[in-house]
């Protein structure tokens, strides 16, 4: 299994910025495309 934990979302005004992150953990050999 693989678990993905996302963070960084929220409310922002037009013209603002946000940074989303996603960390993968669990059982896998190689990560291909993200």
ModelCIF file with pLDDT and N, C-alpha, C, O atoms, coordinates in Angstrom:
data_MODEL
#
_entry.id   MODEL 
#
_entity.id                         1 
_entity.type                       polymer 
_entity.pdbx_number_of_molecules   1 
#
_entity_poly.entity_id                      1 
_entity_poly.type                           'polypeptide(L)' 
_entity_poly.nstd_linkage                   no 
_entity_poly.nstd_monomer                   no 
_entity_poly.pdbx_seq_one_letter_code       
;(UNK)(UNK)(UNK)(UNK)(UNK)(UNK)(UNK)(UNK)(UNK)(UNK)(UNK)(UNK)(UNK)(UNK)(UNK)(UNK)
(UNK)(UNK)(UNK)(UNK)(UNK)(UNK)(UNK)(UNK)(UNK)(UNK)(UNK)(UNK)(UNK)(UNK)(UNK)(UNK)
(UNK)(UNK)
;
_entity_poly.pdbx_seq_one_letter_code_can   XXXXXXXXXXXXXXXXXXXXXXXXXXXXXXXXXX 
_entity_poly.pdbx_strand_id                 A 
#
loop_
_entity_poly_seq.entity_id 
_entity_poly_seq.num 
_entity_poly_seq.mon_id 
_entity_poly_seq.hetero 
1 1  UNK n 
1 2  UNK n 
1 3  UNK n 
1 4  UNK n 
1 5  UNK n 
1 6  UNK n 
1 7  UNK n 
1 8  UNK n 
1 9  UNK n 
1 10 UNK n 
1 11 UNK n 
1 12 UNK n 
1 13 UNK n 
1 14 UNK n 
1 15 UNK n 
1 16 UNK n 
1 17 UNK n 
1 18 UNK n 
1 19 UNK n 
1 20 UNK n 
1 21 UNK n 
1 22 UNK n 
1 23 UNK n 
1 24 UNK n 
1 25 UNK n 
1 26 UNK n 
1 27 UNK n 
1 28 UNK n 
1 29 UNK n 
1 30 UNK n 
1 31 UNK n 
1 32 UNK n 
1 33 UNK n 
1 34 UNK n 
#
_struct_asym.id          A 
_struct_asym.entity_id   1 
#
loop_
_ma_qa_metric.id 
_ma_qa_metric.mode 
_ma_qa_metric.name 
_ma_qa_metric.software_group_id 
_ma_qa_metric.type 
1 global pLDDT . pLDDT 
2 local  pLDDT . pLDDT 
#
_ma_qa_metric_global.metric_id      1 
_ma_qa_metric_global.metric_value   95.41 
_ma_qa_metric_global.model_id       1 
_ma_qa_metric_global.ordinal_id     1 
#
loop_
_ma_qa_metric_local.label_asym_id 
_ma_qa_metric_local.label_comp_id 
_ma_qa_metric_local.label_seq_id 
_ma_qa_metric_local.metric_id 
_ma_qa_metric_local.metric_value 
_ma_qa_metric_local.model_id 
_ma_qa_metric_local.ordinal_id 
A UNK 1  2 83.00 1 1  
A UNK 2  2 92.00 1 2  
A UNK 3  2 94.00 1 3  
A UNK 4  2 96.00 1 4  
A UNK 5  2 96.00 1 5  
A UNK 6  2 97.00 1 6  
A UNK 7  2 97.00 1 7  
A UNK 8  2 97.00 1 8  
A UNK 9  2 97.00 1 9  
A UNK 10 2 98.00 1 10 
A UNK 11 2 98.00 1 11 
A UNK 12 2 98.00 1 12 
A UNK 13 2 98.00 1 13 
A UNK 14 2 98.00 1 14 
A UNK 15 2 98.00 1 15 
A UNK 16 2 98.00 1 16 
A UNK 17 2 98.00 1 17 
A UNK 18 2 98.00 1 18 
A UNK 19 2 98.00 1 19 
A UNK 20 2 98.00 1 20 
A UNK 21 2 98.00 1 21 
A UNK 22 2 98.00 1 22 
A UNK 23 2 97.00 1 23 
A UNK 24 2 96.00 1 24 
A UNK 25 2 95.00 1 25 
A UNK 26 2 91.00 1 26 
A UNK 27 2 86.00 1 27 
A UNK 28 2 90.00 1 28 
A UNK 29 2 90.00 1 29 
A UNK 30 2 93.00 1 30 
A UNK 31 2 94.00 1 31 
A UNK 32 2 95.00 1 32 
A UNK 33 2 97.00 1 33 
A UNK 34 2 97.00 1 34 
#
loop_
_atom_site.group_PDB 
_atom_site.id 
_atom_site.type_symbol 
_atom_site.label_atom_id 
_atom_site.label_alt_id 
_atom_site.label_comp_id 
_atom_site.label_asym_id 
_atom_site.label_entity_id 
_atom_site.label_seq_id 
_atom_site.pdbx_PDB_ins_code 
_atom_site.Cartn_x 
_atom_site.Cartn_y 
_atom_site.Cartn_z 
_atom_site.occupancy 
_atom_site.B_iso_or_equiv 
_atom_site.pdbx_formal_charge 
_atom_site.auth_seq_id 
_atom_site.auth_comp_id 
_atom_site.auth_asym_id 
_atom_site.auth_atom_id 
_atom_site.pdbx_PDB_model_num 
ATOM 1   N N  . UNK A 1 1  ? 0.808  -1.170 0.000   1.00 83.00 ? 1  UNK A N  1 
ATOM 2   C CA . UNK A 1 1  ? 0.000  0.000  0.000   1.00 83.00 ? 1  UNK A CA 1 
ATOM 3   C C  . UNK A 1 1  ? 0.867  1.255  0.000   1.00 83.00 ? 1  UNK A C  1 
ATOM 4   O O  . UNK A 1 1  ? 2.026  1.239  0.414   1.00 83.00 ? 1  UNK A O  1 
ATOM 5   N N  . UNK A 1 2  ? 0.265  2.337  -0.477  1.00 92.00 ? 2  UNK A N  1 
ATOM 6   C CA . UNK A 1 2  ? 0.910  3.638  -0.493  1.00 92.00 ? 2  UNK A CA 1 
ATOM 7   C C  . UNK A 1 2  ? -0.051 4.649  0.112   1.00 92.00 ? 2  UNK A C  1 
ATOM 8   O O  . UNK A 1 2  ? -1.241 4.658  -0.202  1.00 92.00 ? 2  UNK A O  1 
ATOM 9   N N  . UNK A 1 3  ? 0.471  5.486  0.969   1.00 94.00 ? 3  UNK A N  1 
ATOM 10  C CA . UNK A 1 3  ? -0.322 6.557  1.555   1.00 94.00 ? 3  UNK A CA 1 
ATOM 11  C C  . UNK A 1 3  ? 0.211  7.901  1.083   1.00 94.00 ? 3  UNK A C  1 
ATOM 12  O O  . UNK A 1 3  ? 1.421  8.113  0.998   1.00 94.00 ? 3  UNK A O  1 
ATOM 13  N N  . UNK A 1 4  ? -0.714 8.803  0.777   1.00 96.00 ? 4  UNK A N  1 
ATOM 14  C CA . UNK A 1 4  ? -0.367 10.140 0.335   1.00 96.00 ? 4  UNK A CA 1 
ATOM 15  C C  . UNK A 1 4  ? -0.941 11.142 1.321   1.00 96.00 ? 4  UNK A C  1 
ATOM 16  O O  . UNK A 1 4  ? -2.134 11.113 1.624   1.00 96.00 ? 4  UNK A O  1 
ATOM 17  N N  . UNK A 1 5  ? -0.099 12.018 1.815   1.00 96.00 ? 5  UNK A N  1 
ATOM 18  C CA . UNK A 1 5  ? -0.517 13.042 2.758   1.00 96.00 ? 5  UNK A CA 1 
ATOM 19  C C  . UNK A 1 5  ? -0.347 14.399 2.105   1.00 96.00 ? 5  UNK A C  1 
ATOM 20  O O  . UNK A 1 5  ? 0.767  14.802 1.771   1.00 96.00 ? 5  UNK A O  1 
ATOM 21  N N  . UNK A 1 6  ? -1.459 15.106 1.922   1.00 97.00 ? 6  UNK A N  1 
ATOM 22  C CA . UNK A 1 6  ? -1.461 16.400 1.274   1.00 97.00 ? 6  UNK A CA 1 
ATOM 23  C C  . UNK A 1 6  ? -1.558 17.515 2.304   1.00 97.00 ? 6  UNK A C  1 
ATOM 24  O O  . UNK A 1 6  ? -2.122 17.339 3.384   1.00 97.00 ? 6  UNK A O  1 
ATOM 25  N N  . UNK A 1 7  ? -1.000 18.659 1.950   1.00 97.00 ? 7  UNK A N  1 
ATOM 26  C CA . UNK A 1 7  ? -1.075 19.823 2.812   1.00 97.00 ? 7  UNK A CA 1 
ATOM 27  C C  . UNK A 1 7  ? -0.930 21.084 1.974   1.00 97.00 ? 7  UNK A C  1 
ATOM 28  O O  . UNK A 1 7  ? -0.479 21.028 0.829   1.00 97.00 ? 7  UNK A O  1 
ATOM 29  N N  . UNK A 1 8  ? -1.309 22.211 2.542   1.00 97.00 ? 8  UNK A N  1 
ATOM 30  C CA . UNK A 1 8  ? -1.084 23.500 1.916   1.00 97.00 ? 8  UNK A CA 1 
ATOM 31  C C  . UNK A 1 8  ? -2.302 24.199 1.350   1.00 97.00 ? 8  UNK A C  1 
ATOM 32  O O  . UNK A 1 8  ? -2.207 25.357 0.943   1.00 97.00 ? 8  UNK A O  1 
ATOM 33  N N  . UNK A 1 9  ? -3.438 23.532 1.313   1.00 97.00 ? 9  UNK A N  1 
ATOM 34  C CA . UNK A 1 9  ? -4.635 24.164 0.796   1.00 97.00 ? 9  UNK A CA 1 
ATOM 35  C C  . UNK A 1 9  ? -5.174 25.213 1.753   1.00 97.00 ? 9  UNK A C  1 
ATOM 36  O O  . UNK A 1 9  ? -4.744 25.308 2.902   1.00 97.00 ? 9  UNK A O  1 
ATOM 37  N N  . UNK A 1 10 ? -6.122 25.995 1.260   1.00 98.00 ? 10 UNK A N  1 
ATOM 38  C CA . UNK A 1 10 ? -6.718 27.012 2.095   1.00 98.00 ? 10 UNK A CA 1 
ATOM 39  C C  . UNK A 1 10 ? -7.428 28.070 1.294   1.00 98.00 ? 10 UNK A C  1 
ATOM 40  O O  . UNK A 1 10 ? -7.685 27.904 0.101   1.00 98.00 ? 10 UNK A O  1 
ATOM 41  N N  . UNK A 1 11 ? -7.742 29.166 1.965   1.00 98.00 ? 11 UNK A N  1 
ATOM 42  C CA . UNK A 1 11 ? -8.427 30.302 1.366   1.00 98.00 ? 11 UNK A CA 1 
ATOM 43  C C  . UNK A 1 11 ? -7.423 31.405 1.085   1.00 98.00 ? 11 UNK A C  1 
ATOM 44  O O  . UNK A 1 11 ? -6.624 31.763 1.950   1.00 98.00 ? 11 UNK A O  1 
ATOM 45  N N  . UNK A 1 12 ? -7.466 31.942 -0.124  1.00 98.00 ? 12 UNK A N  1 
ATOM 46  C CA . UNK A 1 12 ? -6.546 33.001 -0.508  1.00 98.00 ? 12 UNK A CA 1 
ATOM 47  C C  . UNK A 1 12 ? -7.271 33.990 -1.415  1.00 98.00 ? 12 UNK A C  1 
ATOM 48  O O  . UNK A 1 12 ? -8.198 33.617 -2.134  1.00 98.00 ? 12 UNK A O  1 
ATOM 49  N N  . UNK A 1 13 ? -6.850 35.238 -1.379  1.00 98.00 ? 13 UNK A N  1 
ATOM 50  C CA . UNK A 1 13 ? -7.440 36.256 -2.241  1.00 98.00 ? 13 UNK A CA 1 
ATOM 51  C C  . UNK A 1 13 ? -6.892 36.159 -3.657  1.00 98.00 ? 13 UNK A C  1 
ATOM 52  O O  . UNK A 1 13 ? -5.788 35.653 -3.858  1.00 98.00 ? 13 UNK A O  1 
ATOM 53  N N  . UNK A 1 14 ? -7.647 36.636 -4.637  1.00 98.00 ? 14 UNK A N  1 
ATOM 54  C CA . UNK A 1 14 ? -7.124 36.653 -6.003  1.00 98.00 ? 14 UNK A CA 1 
ATOM 55  C C  . UNK A 1 14 ? -5.774 37.357 -6.066  1.00 98.00 ? 14 UNK A C  1 
ATOM 56  O O  . UNK A 1 14 ? -5.574 38.405 -5.452  1.00 98.00 ? 14 UNK A O  1 
ATOM 57  N N  . UNK A 1 15 ? -4.856 36.763 -6.818  1.00 98.00 ? 15 UNK A N  1 
ATOM 58  C CA . UNK A 1 15 ? -3.509 37.287 -6.904  1.00 98.00 ? 15 UNK A CA 1 
ATOM 59  C C  . UNK A 1 15 ? -2.561 36.732 -5.866  1.00 98.00 ? 15 UNK A C  1 
ATOM 60  O O  . UNK A 1 15 ? -1.355 36.968 -5.933  1.00 98.00 ? 15 UNK A O  1 
ATOM 61  N N  . UNK A 1 16 ? -3.090 36.004 -4.917  1.00 98.00 ? 16 UNK A N  1 
ATOM 62  C CA . UNK A 1 16 ? -2.275 35.423 -3.870  1.00 98.00 ? 16 UNK A CA 1 
ATOM 63  C C  . UNK A 1 16 ? -1.619 34.136 -4.300  1.00 98.00 ? 16 UNK A C  1 
ATOM 64  O O  . UNK A 1 16 ? -1.687 33.747 -5.466  1.00 98.00 ? 16 UNK A O  1 
ATOM 65  N N  . UNK A 1 17 ? -0.982 33.476 -3.353  1.00 98.00 ? 17 UNK A N  1 
ATOM 66  C CA . UNK A 1 17 ? -0.253 32.259 -3.655  1.00 98.00 ? 17 UNK A CA 1 
ATOM 67  C C  . UNK A 1 17 ? -0.461 31.208 -2.577  1.00 98.00 ? 17 UNK A C  1 
ATOM 68  O O  . UNK A 1 17 ? -0.774 31.521 -1.429  1.00 98.00 ? 17 UNK A O  1 
ATOM 69  N N  . UNK A 1 18 ? -0.281 29.965 -2.970  1.00 98.00 ? 18 UNK A N  1 
ATOM 70  C CA . UNK A 1 18 ? -0.314 28.827 -2.073  1.00 98.00 ? 18 UNK A CA 1 
ATOM 71  C C  . UNK A 1 18 ? 0.706  27.812 -2.559  1.00 98.00 ? 18 UNK A C  1 
ATOM 72  O O  . UNK A 1 18 ? 1.062  27.782 -3.737  1.00 98.00 ? 18 UNK A O  1 
ATOM 73  N N  . UNK A 1 19 ? 1.165  26.992 -1.645  1.00 98.00 ? 19 UNK A N  1 
ATOM 74  C CA . UNK A 1 19 ? 2.083  25.917 -1.991  1.00 98.00 ? 19 UNK A CA 1 
ATOM 75  C C  . UNK A 1 19 ? 1.527  24.609 -1.453  1.00 98.00 ? 19 UNK A C  1 
ATOM 76  O O  . UNK A 1 19 ? 1.407  24.428 -0.241  1.00 98.00 ? 19 UNK A O  1 
ATOM 77  N N  . UNK A 1 20 ? 1.192  23.708 -2.347  1.00 98.00 ? 20 UNK A N  1 
ATOM 78  C CA . UNK A 1 20 ? 0.685  22.402 -1.979  1.00 98.00 ? 20 UNK A CA 1 
ATOM 79  C C  . UNK A 1 20 ? 1.825  21.400 -1.914  1.00 98.00 ? 20 UNK A C  1 
ATOM 80  O O  . UNK A 1 20 ? 2.777  21.471 -2.691  1.00 98.00 ? 20 UNK A O  1 
ATOM 81  N N  . UNK A 1 21 ? 1.715  20.473 -0.986  1.00 98.00 ? 21 UNK A N  1 
ATOM 82  C CA . UNK A 1 21 ? 2.708  19.425 -0.851  1.00 98.00 ? 21 UNK A CA 1 
ATOM 83  C C  . UNK A 1 21 ? 2.011  18.089 -0.701  1.00 98.00 ? 21 UNK A C  1 
ATOM 84  O O  . UNK A 1 21 ? 0.906  18.004 -0.163  1.00 98.00 ? 21 UNK A O  1 
ATOM 85  N N  . UNK A 1 22 ? 2.664  17.052 -1.179  1.00 98.00 ? 22 UNK A N  1 
ATOM 86  C CA . UNK A 1 22 ? 2.141  15.698 -1.079  1.00 98.00 ? 22 UNK A CA 1 
ATOM 87  C C  . UNK A 1 22 ? 3.303  14.749 -0.850  1.00 98.00 ? 22 UNK A C  1 
ATOM 88  O O  . UNK A 1 22 ? 4.216  14.661 -1.670  1.00 98.00 ? 22 UNK A O  1 
ATOM 89  N N  . UNK A 1 23 ? 3.263  14.045 0.262   1.00 97.00 ? 23 UNK A N  1 
ATOM 90  C CA . UNK A 1 23 ? 4.317  13.111 0.617   1.00 97.00 ? 23 UNK A CA 1 
ATOM 91  C C  . UNK A 1 23 ? 3.805  11.678 0.515   1.00 97.00 ? 23 UNK A C  1 
ATOM 92  O O  . UNK A 1 23 ? 2.751  11.344 1.055   1.00 97.00 ? 23 UNK A O  1 
ATOM 93  N N  . UNK A 1 24 ? 4.554  10.850 -0.175  1.00 96.00 ? 24 UNK A N  1 
ATOM 94  C CA . UNK A 1 24 ? 4.194  9.451  -0.357  1.00 96.00 ? 24 UNK A CA 1 
ATOM 95  C C  . UNK A 1 24 ? 4.994  8.575  0.596   1.00 96.00 ? 24 UNK A C  1 
ATOM 96  O O  . UNK A 1 24 ? 6.187  8.789  0.810   1.00 96.00 ? 24 UNK A O  1 
ATOM 97  N N  . UNK A 1 25 ? 4.324  7.602  1.155   1.00 95.00 ? 25 UNK A N  1 
ATOM 98  C CA . UNK A 1 25 ? 4.988  6.645  2.026   1.00 95.00 ? 25 UNK A CA 1 
ATOM 99  C C  . UNK A 1 25 ? 4.317  5.291  1.872   1.00 95.00 ? 25 UNK A C  1 
ATOM 100 O O  . UNK A 1 25 ? 3.190  5.191  1.386   1.00 95.00 ? 25 UNK A O  1 
ATOM 101 N N  . UNK A 1 26 ? 5.024  4.253  2.294   1.00 91.00 ? 26 UNK A N  1 
ATOM 102 C CA . UNK A 1 26 ? 4.468  2.917  2.222   1.00 91.00 ? 26 UNK A CA 1 
ATOM 103 C C  . UNK A 1 26 ? 5.359  1.972  1.453   1.00 91.00 ? 26 UNK A C  1 
ATOM 104 O O  . UNK A 1 26 ? 6.584  2.093  1.470   1.00 91.00 ? 26 UNK A O  1 
ATOM 105 N N  . UNK A 1 27 ? 4.731  1.034  0.782   1.00 86.00 ? 27 UNK A N  1 
ATOM 106 C CA . UNK A 1 27 ? 5.452  -0.024 0.092   1.00 86.00 ? 27 UNK A CA 1 
ATOM 107 C C  . UNK A 1 27 ? 5.458  0.220  -1.413  1.00 86.00 ? 27 UNK A C  1 
ATOM 108 O O  . UNK A 1 27 ? 4.421  0.136  -2.072  1.00 86.00 ? 27 UNK A O  1 
ATOM 109 N N  . UNK A 1 28 ? 6.621  0.516  -1.938  1.00 90.00 ? 28 UNK A N  1 
ATOM 110 C CA . UNK A 1 28 ? 6.815  0.655  -3.369  1.00 90.00 ? 28 UNK A CA 1 
ATOM 111 C C  . UNK A 1 28 ? 8.309  0.605  -3.663  1.00 90.00 ? 28 UNK A C  1 
ATOM 112 O O  . UNK A 1 28 ? 9.140  0.832  -2.783  1.00 90.00 ? 28 UNK A O  1 
ATOM 113 N N  . UNK A 1 29 ? 8.626  0.306  -4.896  1.00 90.00 ? 29 UNK A N  1 
ATOM 114 C CA . UNK A 1 29 ? 10.017 0.230  -5.311  1.00 90.00 ? 29 UNK A CA 1 
ATOM 115 C C  . UNK A 1 29 ? 10.476 1.551  -5.903  1.00 90.00 ? 29 UNK A C  1 
ATOM 116 O O  . UNK A 1 29 ? 11.513 2.093  -5.521  1.00 90.00 ? 29 UNK A O  1 
ATOM 117 N N  . UNK A 1 30 ? 9.695  2.054  -6.832  1.00 93.00 ? 30 UNK A N  1 
ATOM 118 C CA . UNK A 1 30 ? 10.064 3.268  -7.551  1.00 93.00 ? 30 UNK A CA 1 
ATOM 119 C C  . UNK A 1 30 ? 8.842  4.135  -7.770  1.00 93.00 ? 30 UNK A C  1 
ATOM 120 O O  . UNK A 1 30 ? 7.766  3.636  -8.100  1.00 93.00 ? 30 UNK A O  1 
ATOM 121 N N  . UNK A 1 31 ? 9.007  5.422  -7.589  1.00 94.00 ? 31 UNK A N  1 
ATOM 122 C CA . UNK A 1 31 ? 7.963  6.365  -7.954  1.00 94.00 ? 31 UNK A CA 1 
ATOM 123 C C  . UNK A 1 31 ? 8.184  6.792  -9.402  1.00 94.00 ? 31 UNK A C  1 
ATOM 124 O O  . UNK A 1 31 ? 9.269  7.239  -9.775  1.00 94.00 ? 31 UNK A O  1 
ATOM 125 N N  . UNK A 1 32 ? 7.155  6.648  -10.193 1.00 95.00 ? 32 UNK A N  1 
ATOM 126 C CA . UNK A 1 32 ? 7.242  7.054  -11.588 1.00 95.00 ? 32 UNK A CA 1 
ATOM 127 C C  . UNK A 1 32 ? 6.808  8.514  -11.713 1.00 95.00 ? 32 UNK A C  1 
ATOM 128 O O  . UNK A 1 32 ? 7.579  9.421  -11.399 1.00 95.00 ? 32 UNK A O  1 
ATOM 129 N N  . UNK A 1 33 ? 5.603  8.736  -12.160 1.00 97.00 ? 33 UNK A N  1 
ATOM 130 C CA . UNK A 1 33 ? 5.096  10.089 -12.325 1.00 97.00 ? 33 UNK A CA 1 
ATOM 131 C C  . UNK A 1 33 ? 4.342  10.545 -11.081 1.00 97.00 ? 33 UNK A C  1 
ATOM 132 O O  . UNK A 1 33 ? 3.623  9.762  -10.462 1.00 97.00 ? 33 UNK A O  1 
ATOM 133 N N  . UNK A 1 34 ? 4.509  11.804 -10.723 1.00 97.00 ? 34 UNK A N  1 
ATOM 134 C CA . UNK A 1 34 ? 3.757  12.432 -9.656  1.00 97.00 ? 34 UNK A CA 1 
ATOM 135 C C  . UNK A 1 34 ? 3.042  13.641 -10.246 1.00 97.00 ? 34 UNK A C  1 
ATOM 136 O O  . UNK A 1 34 ? 2.330  14.347 -9.531  1.00 97.00 ? 34 UNK A O  1 
#
